[in-house]
Amino acid sequence: MKFRKKRNKPIVSAKERTIEHPTASFLYLITGLGALTTAVGMMLCGKRSRALLIAQWVAPLLLTAAEERRSRRKESKVESDK
């Protein structure tokens, strides 16, 4: 690790400075689980038709999350092979 002369702080590369942002797959996963929880809550409250409307989105959101994660792993594997 390199140090600056005056400040005596380590020099951090740009890659190390970047903040980990939630990926698209994580956001789809959280949204899908939130939709599932909301649908169950509405079903328990007796609002069956609204619960079914929201429950329709659970499977596509979770499948999209899985597909995003799979494609990201493929990309990272291809980049590491180069």
PDB file of N, CA and C in Angstrom:
ATOM      1  N   MET A   1       0.853  -1.172   0.000  1.00  0.00           N
ATOM      2  CA  MET A   1       0.000   0.000   0.000  1.00  0.00           C
ATOM      3  C   MET A   1       0.899   1.235   0.000  1.00  0.00           C
ATOM      4  N   LYS A   2       0.588   2.163  -0.871  1.00  0.00           N
ATOM      5  CA  LYS A   2       1.377   3.382  -0.969  1.00  0.00           C
ATOM      6  C   LYS A   2       0.806   4.437  -0.024  1.00  0.00           C
ATOM      7  N   PHE A   3       1.694   5.295   0.483  1.00  0.00           N
ATOM      8  CA  PHE A   3       1.266   6.372   1.366  1.00  0.00           C
ATOM      9  C   PHE A   3       1.663   7.708   0.767  1.00  0.00           C
ATOM     10  N   ARG A   4       0.828   8.678   1.005  1.00  0.00           N
ATOM     11  CA  ARG A   4       1.175  10.042   0.612  1.00  0.00           C
ATOM     12  C   ARG A   4       2.172  10.584   1.626  1.00  0.00           C
ATOM     13  N   LYS A   5       3.055  11.439   1.175  1.00  0.00           N
ATOM     14  CA  LYS A   5       4.111  11.934   2.052  1.00  0.00           C
ATOM     15  C   LYS A   5       3.573  12.885   3.120  1.00  0.00           C
ATOM     16  N   LYS A   6       2.722  13.816   2.740  1.00  0.00           N
ATOM     17  CA  LYS A   6       2.302  14.849   3.674  1.00  0.00           C
ATOM     18  C   LYS A   6       1.216  14.369   4.636  1.00  0.00           C
ATOM     19  N   ARG A   7       0.241  13.692   4.117  1.00  0.00           N
ATOM     20  CA  ARG A   7      -0.928  13.362   4.939  1.00  0.00           C
ATOM     21  C   ARG A   7      -0.805  12.024   5.658  1.00  0.00           C
ATOM     22  N   ASN A   8       0.097  11.188   5.206  1.00  0.00           N
ATOM     23  CA  ASN A   8       0.298   9.883   5.807  1.00  0.00           C
ATOM     24  C   ASN A   8      -0.970   9.022   5.750  1.00  0.00           C
ATOM     25  N   LYS A   9      -1.769   9.216   4.675  1.00  0.00           N
ATOM     26  CA  LYS A   9      -2.965   8.403   4.460  1.00  0.00           C
ATOM     27  C   LYS A   9      -2.707   7.474   3.283  1.00  0.00           C
ATOM     28  N   PRO A  10      -3.287   6.300   3.317  1.00  0.00           N
ATOM     29  CA  PRO A  10      -3.071   5.393   2.190  1.00  0.00           C
ATOM     30  C   PRO A  10      -3.745   5.906   0.921  1.00  0.00           C
ATOM     31  N   ILE A  11      -3.119   5.667  -0.209  1.00  0.00           N
ATOM     32  CA  ILE A  11      -3.704   6.018  -1.495  1.00  0.00           C
ATOM     33  C   ILE A  11      -4.661   4.893  -1.881  1.00  0.00           C
ATOM     34  N   VAL A  12      -5.898   5.261  -2.105  1.00  0.00           N
ATOM     35  CA  VAL A  12      -6.933   4.273  -2.412  1.00  0.00           C
ATOM     36  C   VAL A  12      -7.272   4.384  -3.882  1.00  0.00           C
ATOM     37  N   SER A  13      -7.328   3.244  -4.541  1.00  0.00           N
ATOM     38  CA  SER A  13      -7.642   3.258  -5.966  1.00  0.00           C
ATOM     39  C   SER A  13      -9.126   3.578  -6.165  1.00  0.00           C
ATOM     40  N   ALA A  14      -9.469   3.941  -7.390  1.00  0.00           N
ATOM     41  CA  ALA A  14     -10.857   4.289  -7.709  1.00  0.00           C
ATOM     42  C   ALA A  14     -11.779   3.095  -7.526  1.00  0.00           C
ATOM     43  N   LYS A  15     -11.267   1.918  -7.802  1.00  0.00           N
ATOM     44  CA  LYS A  15     -12.086   0.708  -7.656  1.00  0.00           C
ATOM     45  C   LYS A  15     -12.437   0.466  -6.183  1.00  0.00           C
ATOM     46  N   GLU A  16     -11.506   0.737  -5.299  1.00  0.00           N
ATOM     47  CA  GLU A  16     -11.751   0.551  -3.872  1.00  0.00           C
ATOM     48  C   GLU A  16     -12.662   1.630  -3.302  1.00  0.00           C
ATOM     49  N   ARG A  17     -12.688   2.805  -3.924  1.00  0.00           N
ATOM     50  CA  ARG A  17     -13.507   3.912  -3.431  1.00  0.00           C
ATOM     51  C   ARG A  17     -14.968   3.783  -3.788  1.00  0.00           C
ATOM     52  N   THR A  18     -15.288   3.058  -4.822  1.00  0.00           N
ATOM     53  CA  THR A  18     -16.672   2.990  -5.275  1.00  0.00           C
ATOM     54  C   THR A  18     -17.537   2.306  -4.236  1.00  0.00           C
ATOM     55  N   ILE A  19     -18.719   2.833  -4.068  1.00  0.00           N
ATOM     56  CA  ILE A  19     -19.672   2.280  -3.124  1.00  0.00           C
ATOM     57  C   ILE A  19     -20.464   1.205  -3.835  1.00  0.00           C
ATOM     58  N   GLU A  20     -20.682   0.123  -3.150  1.00  0.00           N
ATOM     59  CA  GLU A  20     -21.466  -0.961  -3.730  1.00  0.00           C
ATOM     60  C   GLU A  20     -22.928  -0.530  -3.823  1.00  0.00           C
ATOM     61  N   HIS A  21     -23.421  -0.391  -5.024  1.00  0.00           N
ATOM     62  CA  HIS A  21     -24.820  -0.048  -5.234  1.00  0.00           C
ATOM     63  C   HIS A  21     -25.611  -1.336  -5.410  1.00  0.00           C
ATOM     64  N   PRO A  22     -26.870  -1.314  -4.971  1.00  0.00           N
ATOM     65  CA  PRO A  22     -27.675  -2.516  -5.173  1.00  0.00           C
ATOM     66  C   PRO A  22     -27.813  -2.822  -6.664  1.00  0.00           C
ATOM     67  N   THR A  23     -27.665  -4.059  -7.006  1.00  0.00           N
ATOM     68  CA  THR A  23     -27.788  -4.447  -8.401  1.00  0.00           C
ATOM     69  C   THR A  23     -29.252  -4.564  -8.776  1.00  0.00           C
ATOM     70  N   ALA A  24     -29.508  -4.662 -10.050  1.00  0.00           N
ATOM     71  CA  ALA A  24     -30.875  -4.783 -10.533  1.00  0.00           C
ATOM     72  C   ALA A  24     -31.512  -6.062 -10.006  1.00  0.00           C
ATOM     73  N   SER A  25     -30.730  -7.134  -9.933  1.00  0.00           N
ATOM     74  CA  SER A  25     -31.299  -8.395  -9.453  1.00  0.00           C
ATOM     75  C   SER A  25     -31.741  -8.279  -8.005  1.00  0.00           C
ATOM     76  N   PHE A  26     -30.964  -7.552  -7.205  1.00  0.00           N
ATOM     77  CA  PHE A  26     -31.339  -7.352  -5.798  1.00  0.00           C
ATOM     78  C   PHE A  26     -32.622  -6.537  -5.687  1.00  0.00           C
ATOM     79  N   LEU A  27     -32.754  -5.510  -6.511  1.00  0.00           N
ATOM     80  CA  LEU A  27     -33.960  -4.683  -6.474  1.00  0.00           C
ATOM     81  C   LEU A  27     -35.195  -5.462  -6.926  1.00  0.00           C
ATOM     82  N   TYR A  28     -35.032  -6.289  -7.975  1.00  0.00           N
ATOM     83  CA  TYR A  28     -36.149  -7.132  -8.405  1.00  0.00           C
ATOM     84  C   TYR A  28     -36.538  -8.125  -7.311  1.00  0.00           C
ATOM     85  N   LEU A  29     -35.538  -8.680  -6.642  1.00  0.00           N
ATOM     86  CA  LEU A  29     -35.804  -9.643  -5.576  1.00  0.00           C
ATOM     87  C   LEU A  29     -36.575  -8.991  -4.429  1.00  0.00           C
ATOM     88  N   ILE A  30     -36.128  -7.838  -3.982  1.00  0.00           N
ATOM     89  CA  ILE A  30     -36.799  -7.133  -2.885  1.00  0.00           C
ATOM     90  C   ILE A  30     -38.220  -6.741  -3.288  1.00  0.00           C
ATOM     91  N   THR A  31     -38.395  -6.272  -4.521  1.00  0.00           N
ATOM     92  CA  THR A  31     -39.727  -5.892  -4.988  1.00  0.00           C
ATOM     93  C   THR A  31     -40.645  -7.107  -5.069  1.00  0.00           C
ATOM     94  N   GLY A  32     -40.122  -8.231  -5.541  1.00  0.00           N
ATOM     95  CA  GLY A  32     -40.917  -9.452  -5.622  1.00  0.00           C
ATOM     96  C   GLY A  32     -41.337  -9.954  -4.255  1.00  0.00           C
ATOM     97  N   LEU A  33     -40.397  -9.933  -3.304  1.00  0.00           N
ATOM     98  CA  LEU A  33     -40.737 -10.374  -1.951  1.00  0.00           C
ATOM     99  C   LEU A  33     -41.702  -9.399  -1.271  1.00  0.00           C
ATOM    100  N   GLY A  34     -41.549  -8.116  -1.562  1.00  0.00           N
ATOM    101  CA  GLY A  34     -42.488  -7.126  -1.029  1.00  0.00           C
ATOM    102  C   GLY A  34     -43.885  -7.324  -1.591  1.00  0.00           C
ATOM    103  N   ALA A  35     -43.973  -7.641  -2.882  1.00  0.00           N
ATOM    104  CA  ALA A  35     -45.279  -7.899  -3.497  1.00  0.00           C
ATOM    105  C   ALA A  35     -45.915  -9.147  -2.890  1.00  0.00           C
ATOM    106  N   LEU A  36     -45.104 -10.150  -2.632  1.00  0.00           N
ATOM    107  CA  LEU A  36     -45.613 -11.372  -2.017  1.00  0.00           C
ATOM    108  C   LEU A  36     -46.147 -11.092  -0.619  1.00  0.00           C
ATOM    109  N   THR A  37     -45.399 -10.348   0.161  1.00  0.00           N
ATOM    110  CA  THR A  37     -45.822 -10.003   1.517  1.00  0.00           C
ATOM    111  C   THR A  37     -47.093  -9.165   1.499  1.00  0.00           C
ATOM    112  N   THR A  38     -47.166  -8.216   0.595  1.00  0.00           N
ATOM    113  CA  THR A  38     -48.350  -7.372   0.477  1.00  0.00           C
ATOM    114  C   THR A  38     -49.565  -8.191   0.078  1.00  0.00           C
ATOM    115  N   ALA A  39     -49.389  -9.105  -0.860  1.00  0.00           N
ATOM    116  CA  ALA A  39     -50.502  -9.945  -1.300  1.00  0.00           C
ATOM    117  C   ALA A  39     -51.015 -10.823  -0.161  1.00  0.00           C
ATOM    118  N   VAL A  40     -50.102 -11.390   0.609  1.00  0.00           N
ATOM    119  CA  VAL A  40     -50.516 -12.221   1.747  1.00  0.00           C
ATOM    120  C   VAL A  40     -51.251 -11.375   2.785  1.00  0.00           C
ATOM    121  N   GLY A  41     -50.734 -10.187   3.047  1.00  0.00           N
ATOM    122  CA  GLY A  41     -51.393  -9.289   4.002  1.00  0.00           C
ATOM    123  C   GLY A  41     -52.789  -8.898   3.557  1.00  0.00           C
ATOM    124  N   MET A  42     -52.933  -8.593   2.287  1.00  0.00           N
ATOM    125  CA  MET A  42     -54.256  -8.227   1.778  1.00  0.00           C
ATOM    126  C   MET A  42     -55.216  -9.409   1.812  1.00  0.00           C
ATOM    127  N   MET A  43     -54.685 -10.591   1.538  1.00  0.00           N
ATOM    128  CA  MET A  43     -55.526 -11.785   1.596  1.00  0.00           C
ATOM    129  C   MET A  43     -56.014 -12.008   3.033  1.00  0.00           C
ATOM    130  N   LEU A  44     -55.145 -11.804   3.999  1.00  0.00           N
ATOM    131  CA  LEU A  44     -55.529 -11.969   5.402  1.00  0.00           C
ATOM    132  C   LEU A  44     -56.529 -10.908   5.852  1.00  0.00           C
ATOM    133  N   CYS A  45     -56.465  -9.731   5.224  1.00  0.00           N
ATOM    134  CA  CYS A  45     -57.405  -8.654   5.563  1.00  0.00           C
ATOM    135  C   CYS A  45     -58.746  -8.815   4.856  1.00  0.00           C
ATOM    136  N   GLY A  46     -58.848  -9.783   3.972  1.00  0.00           N
ATOM    137  CA  GLY A  46     -60.099 -10.031   3.285  1.00  0.00           C
ATOM    138  C   GLY A  46     -60.244  -9.326   1.947  1.00  0.00           C
ATOM    139  N   LYS A  47     -59.198  -8.735   1.441  1.00  0.00           N
ATOM    140  CA  LYS A  47     -59.253  -8.039   0.148  1.00  0.00           C
ATOM    141  C   LYS A  47     -58.687  -8.971  -0.924  1.00  0.00           C
ATOM    142  N   ARG A  48     -59.459  -9.983  -1.222  1.00  0.00           N
ATOM    143  CA  ARG A  48     -58.994 -11.066  -2.090  1.00  0.00           C
ATOM    144  C   ARG A  48     -58.669 -10.600  -3.501  1.00  0.00           C
ATOM    145  N   SER A  49     -59.531  -9.796  -4.096  1.00  0.00           N
ATOM    146  CA  SER A  49     -59.307  -9.393  -5.494  1.00  0.00           C
ATOM    147  C   SER A  49     -58.060  -8.526  -5.629  1.00  0.00           C
ATOM    148  N   ARG A  50     -57.812  -7.643  -4.687  1.00  0.00           N
ATOM    149  CA  ARG A  50     -56.595  -6.818  -4.730  1.00  0.00           C
ATOM    150  C   ARG A  50     -55.359  -7.667  -4.481  1.00  0.00           C
ATOM    151  N   ALA A  51     -55.493  -8.644  -3.585  1.00  0.00           N
ATOM    152  CA  ALA A  51     -54.362  -9.534  -3.298  1.00  0.00           C
ATOM    153  C   ALA A  51     -53.976 -10.335  -4.540  1.00  0.00           C
ATOM    154  N   LEU A  52     -54.972 -10.810  -5.282  1.00  0.00           N
ATOM    155  CA  LEU A  52     -54.677 -11.574  -6.494  1.00  0.00           C
ATOM    156  C   LEU A  52     -54.044 -10.696  -7.567  1.00  0.00           C
ATOM    157  N   LEU A  53     -54.467  -9.444  -7.629  1.00  0.00           N
ATOM    158  CA  LEU A  53     -53.876  -8.513  -8.595  1.00  0.00           C
ATOM    159  C   LEU A  53     -52.395  -8.306  -8.307  1.00  0.00           C
ATOM    160  N   ILE A  54     -52.057  -8.119  -7.049  1.00  0.00           N
ATOM    161  CA  ILE A  54     -50.656  -7.898  -6.679  1.00  0.00           C
ATOM    162  C   ILE A  54     -49.857  -9.194  -6.796  1.00  0.00           C
ATOM    163  N   ALA A  55     -50.492 -10.323  -6.473  1.00  0.00           N
ATOM    164  CA  ALA A  55     -49.795 -11.612  -6.516  1.00  0.00           C
ATOM    165  C   ALA A  55     -49.380 -11.998  -7.933  1.00  0.00           C
ATOM    166  N   GLN A  56     -50.025 -11.426  -8.938  1.00  0.00           N
ATOM    167  CA  GLN A  56     -49.646 -11.719 -10.317  1.00  0.00           C
ATOM    168  C   GLN A  56     -48.229 -11.249 -10.639  1.00  0.00           C
ATOM    169  N   TRP A  57     -47.740 -10.270  -9.905  1.00  0.00           N
ATOM    170  CA  TRP A  57     -46.427  -9.707 -10.195  1.00  0.00           C
ATOM    171  C   TRP A  57     -45.290 -10.445  -9.498  1.00  0.00           C
ATOM    172  N   VAL A  58     -45.613 -11.311  -8.552  1.00  0.00           N
ATOM    173  CA  VAL A  58     -44.556 -11.964  -7.774  1.00  0.00           C
ATOM    174  C   VAL A  58     -43.663 -12.836  -8.656  1.00  0.00           C
ATOM    175  N   ALA A  59     -44.249 -13.751  -9.406  1.00  0.00           N
ATOM    176  CA  ALA A  59     -43.454 -14.674 -10.219  1.00  0.00           C
ATOM    177  C   ALA A  59     -42.591 -13.957 -11.275  1.00  0.00           C
ATOM    178  N   PRO A  60     -43.157 -13.006 -12.053  1.00  0.00           N
ATOM    179  CA  PRO A  60     -42.288 -12.328 -13.038  1.00  0.00           C
ATOM    180  C   PRO A  60     -41.132 -11.554 -12.402  1.00  0.00           C
ATOM    181  N   LEU A  61     -41.375 -10.934 -11.251  1.00  0.00           N
ATOM    182  CA  LEU A  61     -40.300 -10.192 -10.595  1.00  0.00           C
ATOM    183  C   LEU A  61     -39.202 -11.122 -10.098  1.00  0.00           C
ATOM    184  N   LEU A  62     -39.585 -12.235  -9.503  1.00  0.00           N
ATOM    185  CA  LEU A  62     -38.580 -13.175  -9.007  1.00  0.00           C
ATOM    186  C   LEU A  62     -37.823 -13.843 -10.145  1.00  0.00           C
ATOM    187  N   LEU A  63     -38.521 -14.156 -11.234  1.00  0.00           N
ATOM    188  CA  LEU A  63     -37.844 -14.734 -12.397  1.00  0.00           C
ATOM    189  C   LEU A  63     -36.876 -13.735 -13.037  1.00  0.00           C
ATOM    190  N   THR A  64     -37.275 -12.477 -13.087  1.00  0.00           N
ATOM    191  CA  THR A  64     -36.388 -11.447 -13.629  1.00  0.00           C
ATOM    192  C   THR A  64     -35.154 -11.287 -12.753  1.00  0.00           C
ATOM    193  N   ALA A  65     -35.338 -11.356 -11.437  1.00  0.00           N
ATOM    194  CA  ALA A  65     -34.190 -11.272 -10.521  1.00  0.00           C
ATOM    195  C   ALA A  65     -33.220 -12.421 -10.762  1.00  0.00           C
ATOM    196  N   ALA A  66     -33.758 -13.620 -10.930  1.00  0.00           N
ATOM    197  CA  ALA A  66     -32.897 -14.779 -11.176  1.00  0.00           C
ATOM    198  C   ALA A  66     -32.167 -14.660 -12.511  1.00  0.00           C
ATOM    199  N   GLU A  67     -32.861 -14.180 -13.531  1.00  0.00           N
ATOM    200  CA  GLU A  67     -32.241 -14.017 -14.848  1.00  0.00           C
ATOM    201  C   GLU A  67     -31.151 -12.944 -14.823  1.00  0.00           C
ATOM    202  N   GLU A  68     -31.401 -11.843 -14.139  1.00  0.00           N
ATOM    203  CA  GLU A  68     -30.391 -10.779 -14.015  1.00  0.00           C
ATOM    204  C   GLU A  68     -29.140 -11.313 -13.324  1.00  0.00           C
ATOM    205  N   ARG A  69     -29.350 -12.052 -12.257  1.00  0.00           N
ATOM    206  CA  ARG A  69     -28.214 -12.584 -11.512  1.00  0.00           C
ATOM    207  C   ARG A  69     -27.413 -13.565 -12.364  1.00  0.00           C
ATOM    208  N   ARG A  70     -28.128 -14.412 -13.112  1.00  0.00           N
ATOM    209  CA  ARG A  70     -27.459 -15.384 -13.968  1.00  0.00           C
ATOM    210  C   ARG A  70     -26.653 -14.692 -15.064  1.00  0.00           C
ATOM    211  N   SER A  71     -27.244 -13.669 -15.685  1.00  0.00           N
ATOM    212  CA  SER A  71     -26.537 -12.971 -16.757  1.00  0.00           C
ATOM    213  C   SER A  71     -25.332 -12.207 -16.225  1.00  0.00           C
ATOM    214  N   ARG A  72     -25.434 -11.672 -15.012  1.00  0.00           N
ATOM    215  CA  ARG A  72     -24.307 -10.963 -14.419  1.00  0.00           C
ATOM    216  C   ARG A  72     -23.162 -11.915 -14.112  1.00  0.00           C
ATOM    217  N   ARG A  73     -23.500 -13.104 -13.650  1.00  0.00           N
ATOM    218  CA  ARG A  73     -22.454 -14.095 -13.378  1.00  0.00           C
ATOM    219  C   ARG A  73     -21.758 -14.505 -14.663  1.00  0.00           C
ATOM    220  N   LYS A  74     -22.552 -14.634 -15.750  1.00  0.00           N
ATOM    221  CA  LYS A  74     -21.951 -14.968 -17.042  1.00  0.00           C
ATOM    222  C   LYS A  74     -20.990 -13.890 -17.480  1.00  0.00           C
ATOM    223  N   GLU A  75     -21.399 -12.616 -17.343  1.00  0.00           N
ATOM    224  CA  GLU A  75     -20.542 -11.501 -17.737  1.00  0.00           C
ATOM    225  C   GLU A  75     -19.250 -11.486 -16.934  1.00  0.00           C
ATOM    226  N   SER A  76     -19.358 -11.680 -15.624  1.00  0.00           N
ATOM    227  CA  SER A  76     -18.155 -11.644 -14.800  1.00  0.00           C
ATOM    228  C   SER A  76     -17.238 -12.818 -15.102  1.00  0.00           C
ATOM    229  N   LYS A  77     -17.814 -13.968 -15.451  1.00  0.00           N
ATOM    230  CA  LYS A  77     -17.010 -15.132 -15.807  1.00  0.00           C
ATOM    231  C   LYS A  77     -16.251 -14.888 -17.108  1.00  0.00           C
ATOM    232  N   VAL A  78     -16.941 -14.275 -18.073  1.00  0.00           N
ATOM    233  CA  VAL A  78     -16.308 -13.970 -19.366  1.00  0.00           C
ATOM    234  C   VAL A  78     -15.179 -12.962 -19.154  1.00  0.00           C
ATOM    235  N   GLU A  79     -15.403 -11.946 -18.312  1.00  0.00           N
ATOM    236  CA  GLU A  79     -14.365 -10.948 -18.063  1.00  0.00           C
ATOM    237  C   GLU A  79     -13.173 -11.533 -17.338  1.00  0.00           C
ATOM    238  N   SER A  80     -13.418 -12.474 -16.420  1.00  0.00           N
ATOM    239  CA  SER A  80     -12.297 -13.070 -15.680  1.00  0.00           C
ATOM    240  C   SER A  80     -11.497 -14.031 -16.545  1.00  0.00           C
ATOM    241  N   ASP A  81     -12.133 -14.596 -17.558  1.00  0.00           N
ATOM    242  CA  ASP A  81     -11.421 -15.500 -18.465  1.00  0.00           C
ATOM    243  C   ASP A  81     -10.469 -14.752 -19.393  1.00  0.00           C
ATOM    244  N   LYS A  82     -10.719 -13.474 -19.631  1.00  0.00           N
ATOM    245  CA  LYS A  82      -9.875 -12.697 -20.570  1.00  0.00           C
ATOM    246  C   LYS A  82      -8.549 -12.359 -19.984  1.00  0.00           C
TER     247      LYS A  82
END
